[in-house]
Amino acid sequence: MNVERINRIINEKPNLSTALGMEFISTPEDDTCMARMKVDERNRQPFGFLSGGASLALAENVAGVGSSALCPDCACVGIEVNGSHVKAVSEGDTVTAFARLQHCGLTLHVWQVDIKNSAGELISTVRVTNYVIKQKKSK
C-alpha cells in the first residue's frame, strides 16, 4: 500500500502523529501498511517505558493512514480501538506497527495492528475500526 500521499498531508502541519514521532511506511501489499516510532520523551511514561496510550495512538493512526490510502476522496476516522499490551518497551528502542486490513466495507474498515519492538517481540495487539465518510463534491 502506497502511503506517500498521506505522508505529505500529515507533514503539512503539526498533529498527533508528528508530535509523537510517527513515521508511516509503504508496503508492497495492498492490504497492509506500517509505521515506526522511536520511544522517547514524546511518548514515554515517567518510568521510561512506552506509554500504552501512545501505542494505541500509533495503532489508530496507522490504520487511519491505511484507510485513507484506500479511500483517497473520503475522511476516515477511528470509531473503536481495542488493544492489549503484553510487553514493556524502554526508552531508546523503536517500535513498528504492522497493520493488516481485516474487513473493507463501504463505510467500515477493520484493521488488526501488531506492534513489535526492535527485536521483533510482540508489544501490543490492537484492533481498530474506522468509519469511512464520503466527502461531498463542491459545485
N, C-alpha and C. Protein backbone atom coordinates (compact mmCIF):
# COMPACT_ATOMS: atom_id res chain seq x y z
N MET A 1 0.85 -1.17 0.00
CA MET A 1 0.00 0.00 0.00
C MET A 1 0.90 1.23 0.00
N ASN A 2 0.64 2.13 -0.92
CA ASN A 2 1.42 3.35 -1.02
C ASN A 2 0.80 4.42 -0.13
N VAL A 3 1.58 4.90 0.84
CA VAL A 3 1.07 5.91 1.78
C VAL A 3 1.76 7.27 1.62
N GLU A 4 2.48 7.46 0.53
CA GLU A 4 3.24 8.70 0.33
C GLU A 4 2.33 9.93 0.28
N ARG A 5 1.18 9.84 -0.37
CA ARG A 5 0.25 10.97 -0.44
C ARG A 5 -0.22 11.35 0.96
N ILE A 6 -0.54 10.35 1.78
CA ILE A 6 -1.00 10.59 3.14
C ILE A 6 0.15 11.19 3.98
N ASN A 7 1.38 10.70 3.77
CA ASN A 7 2.54 11.27 4.47
C ASN A 7 2.67 12.76 4.20
N ARG A 8 2.48 13.17 2.96
CA ARG A 8 2.58 14.59 2.62
C ARG A 8 1.53 15.40 3.38
N ILE A 9 0.31 14.89 3.44
CA ILE A 9 -0.78 15.57 4.15
C ILE A 9 -0.45 15.67 5.64
N ILE A 10 0.02 14.57 6.23
CA ILE A 10 0.34 14.53 7.66
C ILE A 10 1.43 15.54 8.00
N ASN A 11 2.40 15.66 7.13
CA ASN A 11 3.55 16.52 7.43
C ASN A 11 3.32 17.99 7.08
N GLU A 12 2.13 18.36 6.59
CA GLU A 12 1.84 19.76 6.25
C GLU A 12 1.74 20.65 7.48
N LYS A 13 1.19 20.12 8.58
CA LYS A 13 1.07 20.92 9.79
C LYS A 13 1.11 20.00 11.01
N PRO A 14 1.45 20.55 12.17
CA PRO A 14 1.57 19.72 13.38
C PRO A 14 0.28 18.97 13.71
N ASN A 15 0.43 17.75 14.19
CA ASN A 15 -0.70 16.90 14.58
C ASN A 15 -0.19 15.82 15.52
N LEU A 16 -1.05 14.94 15.97
CA LEU A 16 -0.65 13.92 16.93
C LEU A 16 0.44 13.01 16.38
N SER A 17 0.33 12.64 15.13
CA SER A 17 1.34 11.75 14.52
C SER A 17 2.73 12.37 14.57
N THR A 18 2.82 13.63 14.19
CA THR A 18 4.13 14.29 14.19
C THR A 18 4.60 14.57 15.62
N ALA A 19 3.67 14.90 16.51
CA ALA A 19 4.04 15.19 17.90
C ALA A 19 4.64 13.97 18.60
N LEU A 20 4.13 12.78 18.29
CA LEU A 20 4.62 11.56 18.93
C LEU A 20 5.79 10.93 18.18
N GLY A 21 6.12 11.44 16.99
CA GLY A 21 7.26 10.93 16.23
C GLY A 21 6.96 9.73 15.35
N MET A 22 5.74 9.63 14.83
CA MET A 22 5.36 8.50 13.97
C MET A 22 5.87 8.72 12.54
N GLU A 23 6.31 7.62 11.93
CA GLU A 23 6.75 7.61 10.54
C GLU A 23 5.98 6.51 9.83
N PHE A 24 5.25 6.84 8.78
CA PHE A 24 4.42 5.88 8.06
C PHE A 24 5.16 5.36 6.84
N ILE A 25 5.02 4.04 6.60
CA ILE A 25 5.85 3.34 5.62
C ILE A 25 4.95 2.59 4.64
N SER A 26 5.22 2.75 3.35
CA SER A 26 4.50 2.00 2.32
C SER A 26 4.94 0.53 2.35
N THR A 27 4.05 -0.33 1.91
CA THR A 27 4.33 -1.77 1.84
C THR A 27 3.96 -2.29 0.45
N PRO A 28 4.49 -3.44 0.03
CA PRO A 28 4.14 -3.97 -1.29
C PRO A 28 2.73 -4.54 -1.38
N GLU A 29 2.14 -4.91 -0.25
CA GLU A 29 0.79 -5.50 -0.26
C GLU A 29 -0.27 -4.40 -0.21
N ASP A 30 -1.39 -4.62 -0.91
CA ASP A 30 -2.47 -3.63 -0.96
C ASP A 30 -3.30 -3.58 0.33
N ASP A 31 -3.16 -4.58 1.20
CA ASP A 31 -3.99 -4.62 2.41
C ASP A 31 -3.18 -4.44 3.69
N THR A 32 -1.95 -3.92 3.56
CA THR A 32 -1.12 -3.69 4.75
C THR A 32 -0.46 -2.32 4.69
N CYS A 33 -0.10 -1.81 5.85
CA CYS A 33 0.76 -0.63 5.95
C CYS A 33 1.50 -0.72 7.27
N MET A 34 2.50 0.14 7.42
CA MET A 34 3.36 0.09 8.59
C MET A 34 3.65 1.49 9.11
N ALA A 35 4.05 1.54 10.36
CA ALA A 35 4.51 2.79 10.96
C ALA A 35 5.60 2.47 11.97
N ARG A 36 6.49 3.43 12.15
CA ARG A 36 7.58 3.28 13.11
C ARG A 36 7.54 4.46 14.07
N MET A 37 7.97 4.21 15.32
CA MET A 37 8.02 5.29 16.31
C MET A 37 9.13 4.99 17.31
N LYS A 38 10.05 5.92 17.45
CA LYS A 38 11.11 5.80 18.45
C LYS A 38 10.51 6.13 19.82
N VAL A 39 10.86 5.34 20.82
CA VAL A 39 10.38 5.59 22.18
C VAL A 39 11.29 6.65 22.80
N ASP A 40 10.71 7.81 23.08
CA ASP A 40 11.49 8.92 23.63
C ASP A 40 10.60 9.77 24.54
N GLU A 41 11.06 10.96 24.88
CA GLU A 41 10.33 11.82 25.83
C GLU A 41 8.95 12.22 25.33
N ARG A 42 8.68 12.10 24.04
CA ARG A 42 7.37 12.48 23.49
C ARG A 42 6.28 11.44 23.77
N ASN A 43 6.66 10.19 23.99
CA ASN A 43 5.66 9.12 24.06
C ASN A 43 5.89 8.10 25.18
N ARG A 44 6.73 8.45 26.14
CA ARG A 44 7.01 7.50 27.23
C ARG A 44 6.30 7.92 28.52
N GLN A 45 6.18 6.96 29.42
CA GLN A 45 5.68 7.22 30.76
C GLN A 45 6.79 7.86 31.59
N PRO A 46 6.48 8.38 32.75
CA PRO A 46 7.53 8.90 33.65
C PRO A 46 8.55 7.82 34.05
N PHE A 47 8.16 6.54 33.96
CA PHE A 47 9.05 5.44 34.34
C PHE A 47 10.03 5.05 33.25
N GLY A 48 9.92 5.68 32.06
CA GLY A 48 10.84 5.39 30.97
C GLY A 48 10.38 4.35 29.99
N PHE A 49 9.12 3.90 30.11
CA PHE A 49 8.57 2.91 29.18
C PHE A 49 7.59 3.57 28.22
N LEU A 50 7.42 2.97 27.04
CA LEU A 50 6.43 3.44 26.09
C LEU A 50 5.06 3.48 26.74
N SER A 51 4.36 4.59 26.61
CA SER A 51 3.01 4.72 27.15
C SER A 51 2.04 3.85 26.36
N GLY A 52 1.14 3.18 27.08
CA GLY A 52 0.11 2.39 26.41
C GLY A 52 -0.77 3.26 25.52
N GLY A 53 -1.02 4.49 25.96
CA GLY A 53 -1.81 5.41 25.15
C GLY A 53 -1.11 5.75 23.84
N ALA A 54 0.21 5.88 23.88
CA ALA A 54 0.98 6.16 22.66
C ALA A 54 0.93 4.96 21.71
N SER A 55 0.95 3.75 22.28
CA SER A 55 0.81 2.54 21.44
C SER A 55 -0.53 2.52 20.75
N LEU A 56 -1.60 2.84 21.50
CA LEU A 56 -2.94 2.86 20.90
C LEU A 56 -3.04 3.96 19.85
N ALA A 57 -2.42 5.11 20.12
CA ALA A 57 -2.42 6.20 19.14
C ALA A 57 -1.69 5.77 17.87
N LEU A 58 -0.57 5.08 18.02
CA LEU A 58 0.17 4.58 16.86
C LEU A 58 -0.70 3.64 16.03
N ALA A 59 -1.38 2.72 16.71
CA ALA A 59 -2.24 1.75 16.01
C ALA A 59 -3.39 2.46 15.29
N GLU A 60 -4.06 3.39 15.98
CA GLU A 60 -5.18 4.08 15.36
C GLU A 60 -4.72 4.93 14.17
N ASN A 61 -3.57 5.56 14.30
CA ASN A 61 -3.06 6.39 13.22
C ASN A 61 -2.63 5.57 12.01
N VAL A 62 -1.94 4.45 12.22
CA VAL A 62 -1.52 3.64 11.07
C VAL A 62 -2.74 3.05 10.36
N ALA A 63 -3.77 2.66 11.12
CA ALA A 63 -5.00 2.16 10.49
C ALA A 63 -5.70 3.28 9.72
N GLY A 64 -5.68 4.48 10.28
CA GLY A 64 -6.27 5.63 9.59
C GLY A 64 -5.55 5.97 8.30
N VAL A 65 -4.24 5.88 8.33
CA VAL A 65 -3.44 6.11 7.12
C VAL A 65 -3.80 5.06 6.07
N GLY A 66 -3.93 3.81 6.50
CA GLY A 66 -4.29 2.74 5.57
C GLY A 66 -5.66 2.96 4.95
N SER A 67 -6.65 3.29 5.76
CA SER A 67 -7.99 3.55 5.23
C SER A 67 -7.99 4.75 4.30
N SER A 68 -7.24 5.78 4.66
CA SER A 68 -7.16 6.97 3.81
C SER A 68 -6.49 6.68 2.47
N ALA A 69 -5.50 5.79 2.48
CA ALA A 69 -4.85 5.41 1.22
C ALA A 69 -5.82 4.62 0.33
N LEU A 70 -6.66 3.81 0.94
CA LEU A 70 -7.64 3.04 0.18
C LEU A 70 -8.79 3.89 -0.35
N CYS A 71 -9.14 4.95 0.37
CA CYS A 71 -10.29 5.80 0.04
C CYS A 71 -9.84 7.26 -0.01
N PRO A 72 -9.11 7.65 -1.06
CA PRO A 72 -8.49 8.99 -1.08
C PRO A 72 -9.48 10.15 -1.09
N ASP A 73 -10.71 9.94 -1.48
CA ASP A 73 -11.69 11.03 -1.51
C ASP A 73 -12.61 11.03 -0.30
N CYS A 74 -12.22 10.30 0.74
CA CYS A 74 -13.06 10.17 1.94
C CYS A 74 -12.28 10.63 3.17
N ALA A 75 -13.03 10.93 4.22
CA ALA A 75 -12.43 11.15 5.54
C ALA A 75 -12.60 9.85 6.31
N CYS A 76 -11.51 9.35 6.86
CA CYS A 76 -11.54 8.08 7.59
C CYS A 76 -11.21 8.35 9.04
N VAL A 77 -12.14 8.02 9.93
CA VAL A 77 -11.98 8.32 11.35
C VAL A 77 -12.16 7.06 12.18
N GLY A 78 -11.35 6.94 13.22
CA GLY A 78 -11.45 5.80 14.12
C GLY A 78 -12.69 5.89 14.98
N ILE A 79 -13.44 4.79 15.08
CA ILE A 79 -14.63 4.77 15.94
C ILE A 79 -14.50 3.74 17.06
N GLU A 80 -13.51 2.84 16.94
CA GLU A 80 -13.26 1.89 18.03
C GLU A 80 -11.80 1.46 17.99
N VAL A 81 -11.18 1.46 19.15
CA VAL A 81 -9.80 0.99 19.30
C VAL A 81 -9.79 0.09 20.53
N ASN A 82 -9.30 -1.14 20.37
CA ASN A 82 -9.29 -2.10 21.46
C ASN A 82 -7.93 -2.79 21.44
N GLY A 83 -7.17 -2.66 22.51
CA GLY A 83 -5.83 -3.22 22.49
C GLY A 83 -5.42 -3.90 23.78
N SER A 84 -4.43 -4.75 23.64
CA SER A 84 -3.80 -5.41 24.78
C SER A 84 -2.30 -5.18 24.69
N HIS A 85 -1.72 -4.75 25.81
CA HIS A 85 -0.27 -4.53 25.88
C HIS A 85 0.33 -5.74 26.59
N VAL A 86 1.31 -6.38 25.96
CA VAL A 86 1.82 -7.64 26.51
C VAL A 86 3.29 -7.57 26.92
N LYS A 87 3.97 -6.47 26.56
CA LYS A 87 5.39 -6.36 26.93
C LYS A 87 5.75 -4.88 26.96
N ALA A 88 6.61 -4.51 27.91
CA ALA A 88 7.07 -3.12 28.02
C ALA A 88 8.19 -2.85 27.02
N VAL A 89 8.31 -1.58 26.64
CA VAL A 89 9.39 -1.15 25.75
C VAL A 89 10.09 0.03 26.41
N SER A 90 11.39 -0.05 26.53
CA SER A 90 12.17 1.00 27.18
C SER A 90 12.48 2.15 26.23
N GLU A 91 12.66 3.32 26.82
CA GLU A 91 13.08 4.49 26.06
C GLU A 91 14.37 4.17 25.31
N GLY A 92 14.44 4.64 24.07
CA GLY A 92 15.60 4.39 23.22
C GLY A 92 15.34 3.33 22.17
N ASP A 93 14.38 2.43 22.43
CA ASP A 93 14.01 1.41 21.45
C ASP A 93 13.09 2.03 20.40
N THR A 94 12.84 1.32 19.33
CA THR A 94 11.91 1.74 18.29
C THR A 94 10.86 0.65 18.13
N VAL A 95 9.60 1.05 18.03
CA VAL A 95 8.53 0.09 17.79
C VAL A 95 8.03 0.24 16.36
N THR A 96 7.54 -0.87 15.81
CA THR A 96 6.98 -0.88 14.46
C THR A 96 5.59 -1.47 14.53
N ALA A 97 4.63 -0.76 13.93
CA ALA A 97 3.24 -1.22 13.87
C ALA A 97 2.99 -1.82 12.49
N PHE A 98 2.53 -3.06 12.47
CA PHE A 98 2.19 -3.76 11.24
C PHE A 98 0.66 -3.86 11.18
N ALA A 99 0.04 -3.15 10.25
CA ALA A 99 -1.42 -3.13 10.15
C ALA A 99 -1.88 -3.95 8.95
N ARG A 100 -2.86 -4.84 9.19
CA ARG A 100 -3.44 -5.65 8.11
C ARG A 100 -4.95 -5.44 8.11
N LEU A 101 -5.47 -5.13 6.94
CA LEU A 101 -6.91 -4.93 6.77
C LEU A 101 -7.65 -6.25 6.93
N GLN A 102 -8.64 -6.28 7.82
CA GLN A 102 -9.44 -7.48 8.07
C GLN A 102 -10.78 -7.42 7.36
N HIS A 103 -11.32 -6.21 7.22
CA HIS A 103 -12.62 -6.02 6.56
C HIS A 103 -12.59 -4.67 5.85
N CYS A 104 -13.02 -4.67 4.59
CA CYS A 104 -13.05 -3.44 3.80
C CYS A 104 -14.45 -3.27 3.22
N GLY A 105 -15.32 -2.61 3.99
CA GLY A 105 -16.67 -2.34 3.52
C GLY A 105 -16.78 -0.94 2.96
N LEU A 106 -17.98 -0.56 2.56
CA LEU A 106 -18.20 0.78 2.02
C LEU A 106 -18.07 1.86 3.09
N THR A 107 -18.47 1.54 4.32
CA THR A 107 -18.42 2.54 5.38
C THR A 107 -17.56 2.13 6.58
N LEU A 108 -17.19 0.87 6.69
CA LEU A 108 -16.36 0.42 7.82
C LEU A 108 -15.14 -0.35 7.33
N HIS A 109 -14.01 -0.04 7.93
CA HIS A 109 -12.78 -0.81 7.73
C HIS A 109 -12.34 -1.31 9.11
N VAL A 110 -11.94 -2.57 9.17
CA VAL A 110 -11.42 -3.14 10.41
C VAL A 110 -9.98 -3.57 10.16
N TRP A 111 -9.09 -3.12 11.04
CA TRP A 111 -7.66 -3.39 10.93
C TRP A 111 -7.17 -4.16 12.16
N GLN A 112 -6.26 -5.08 11.95
CA GLN A 112 -5.52 -5.74 13.01
C GLN A 112 -4.12 -5.17 13.00
N VAL A 113 -3.69 -4.61 14.12
CA VAL A 113 -2.38 -3.96 14.20
C VAL A 113 -1.55 -4.65 15.28
N ASP A 114 -0.41 -5.17 14.89
CA ASP A 114 0.55 -5.74 15.85
C ASP A 114 1.73 -4.79 15.96
N ILE A 115 2.07 -4.44 17.17
CA ILE A 115 3.19 -3.55 17.43
C ILE A 115 4.32 -4.38 18.03
N LYS A 116 5.51 -4.27 17.43
CA LYS A 116 6.66 -5.05 17.87
C LYS A 116 7.83 -4.14 18.19
N ASN A 117 8.70 -4.61 19.09
CA ASN A 117 9.92 -3.86 19.41
C ASN A 117 10.99 -4.15 18.36
N SER A 118 12.17 -3.57 18.53
CA SER A 118 13.23 -3.75 17.52
C SER A 118 13.74 -5.19 17.45
N ALA A 119 13.49 -5.98 18.49
CA ALA A 119 13.88 -7.40 18.48
C ALA A 119 12.81 -8.27 17.83
N GLY A 120 11.70 -7.67 17.40
CA GLY A 120 10.62 -8.42 16.75
C GLY A 120 9.63 -9.05 17.73
N GLU A 121 9.73 -8.67 19.00
CA GLU A 121 8.83 -9.23 20.01
C GLU A 121 7.52 -8.44 20.03
N LEU A 122 6.41 -9.14 20.20
CA LEU A 122 5.09 -8.50 20.25
C LEU A 122 4.99 -7.64 21.50
N ILE A 123 4.58 -6.39 21.32
CA ILE A 123 4.41 -5.43 22.41
C ILE A 123 2.94 -5.23 22.70
N SER A 124 2.17 -4.98 21.63
CA SER A 124 0.73 -4.74 21.75
C SER A 124 0.03 -5.32 20.53
N THR A 125 -1.18 -5.76 20.74
CA THR A 125 -2.03 -6.17 19.63
C THR A 125 -3.31 -5.34 19.73
N VAL A 126 -3.70 -4.73 18.61
CA VAL A 126 -4.77 -3.74 18.62
C VAL A 126 -5.70 -3.96 17.44
N ARG A 127 -6.99 -3.82 17.70
CA ARG A 127 -8.00 -3.88 16.65
C ARG A 127 -8.59 -2.48 16.51
N VAL A 128 -8.63 -1.98 15.28
CA VAL A 128 -9.11 -0.63 15.01
C VAL A 128 -10.24 -0.69 13.98
N THR A 129 -11.34 -0.03 14.28
CA THR A 129 -12.44 0.11 13.32
C THR A 129 -12.52 1.57 12.89
N ASN A 130 -12.48 1.78 11.58
CA ASN A 130 -12.57 3.12 11.01
C ASN A 130 -13.90 3.29 10.30
N TYR A 131 -14.47 4.48 10.43
CA TYR A 131 -15.67 4.87 9.70
C TYR A 131 -15.22 5.69 8.50
N VAL A 132 -15.71 5.33 7.32
CA VAL A 132 -15.33 5.98 6.07
C VAL A 132 -16.46 6.94 5.68
N ILE A 133 -16.12 8.22 5.63
CA ILE A 133 -17.11 9.26 5.34
C ILE A 133 -16.85 9.81 3.94
N LYS A 134 -17.83 9.65 3.07
CA LYS A 134 -17.70 10.19 1.73
C LYS A 134 -17.78 11.71 1.77
N GLN A 135 -16.83 12.38 1.13
CA GLN A 135 -16.81 13.85 1.10
C GLN A 135 -17.77 14.34 0.03
N LYS A 136 -18.52 15.39 0.35
CA LYS A 136 -19.44 15.98 -0.62
C LYS A 136 -18.64 16.72 -1.67
N LYS A 137 -19.04 16.57 -2.91
CA LYS A 137 -18.37 17.25 -4.02
C LYS A 137 -18.78 18.72 -4.03
N SER A 138 -17.81 19.60 -4.27
CA SER A 138 -18.11 21.03 -4.40
C SER A 138 -18.75 21.30 -5.75
N LYS A 139 -19.69 22.26 -5.75
CA LYS A 139 -20.35 22.59 -7.03
C LYS A 139 -19.59 23.62 -7.79
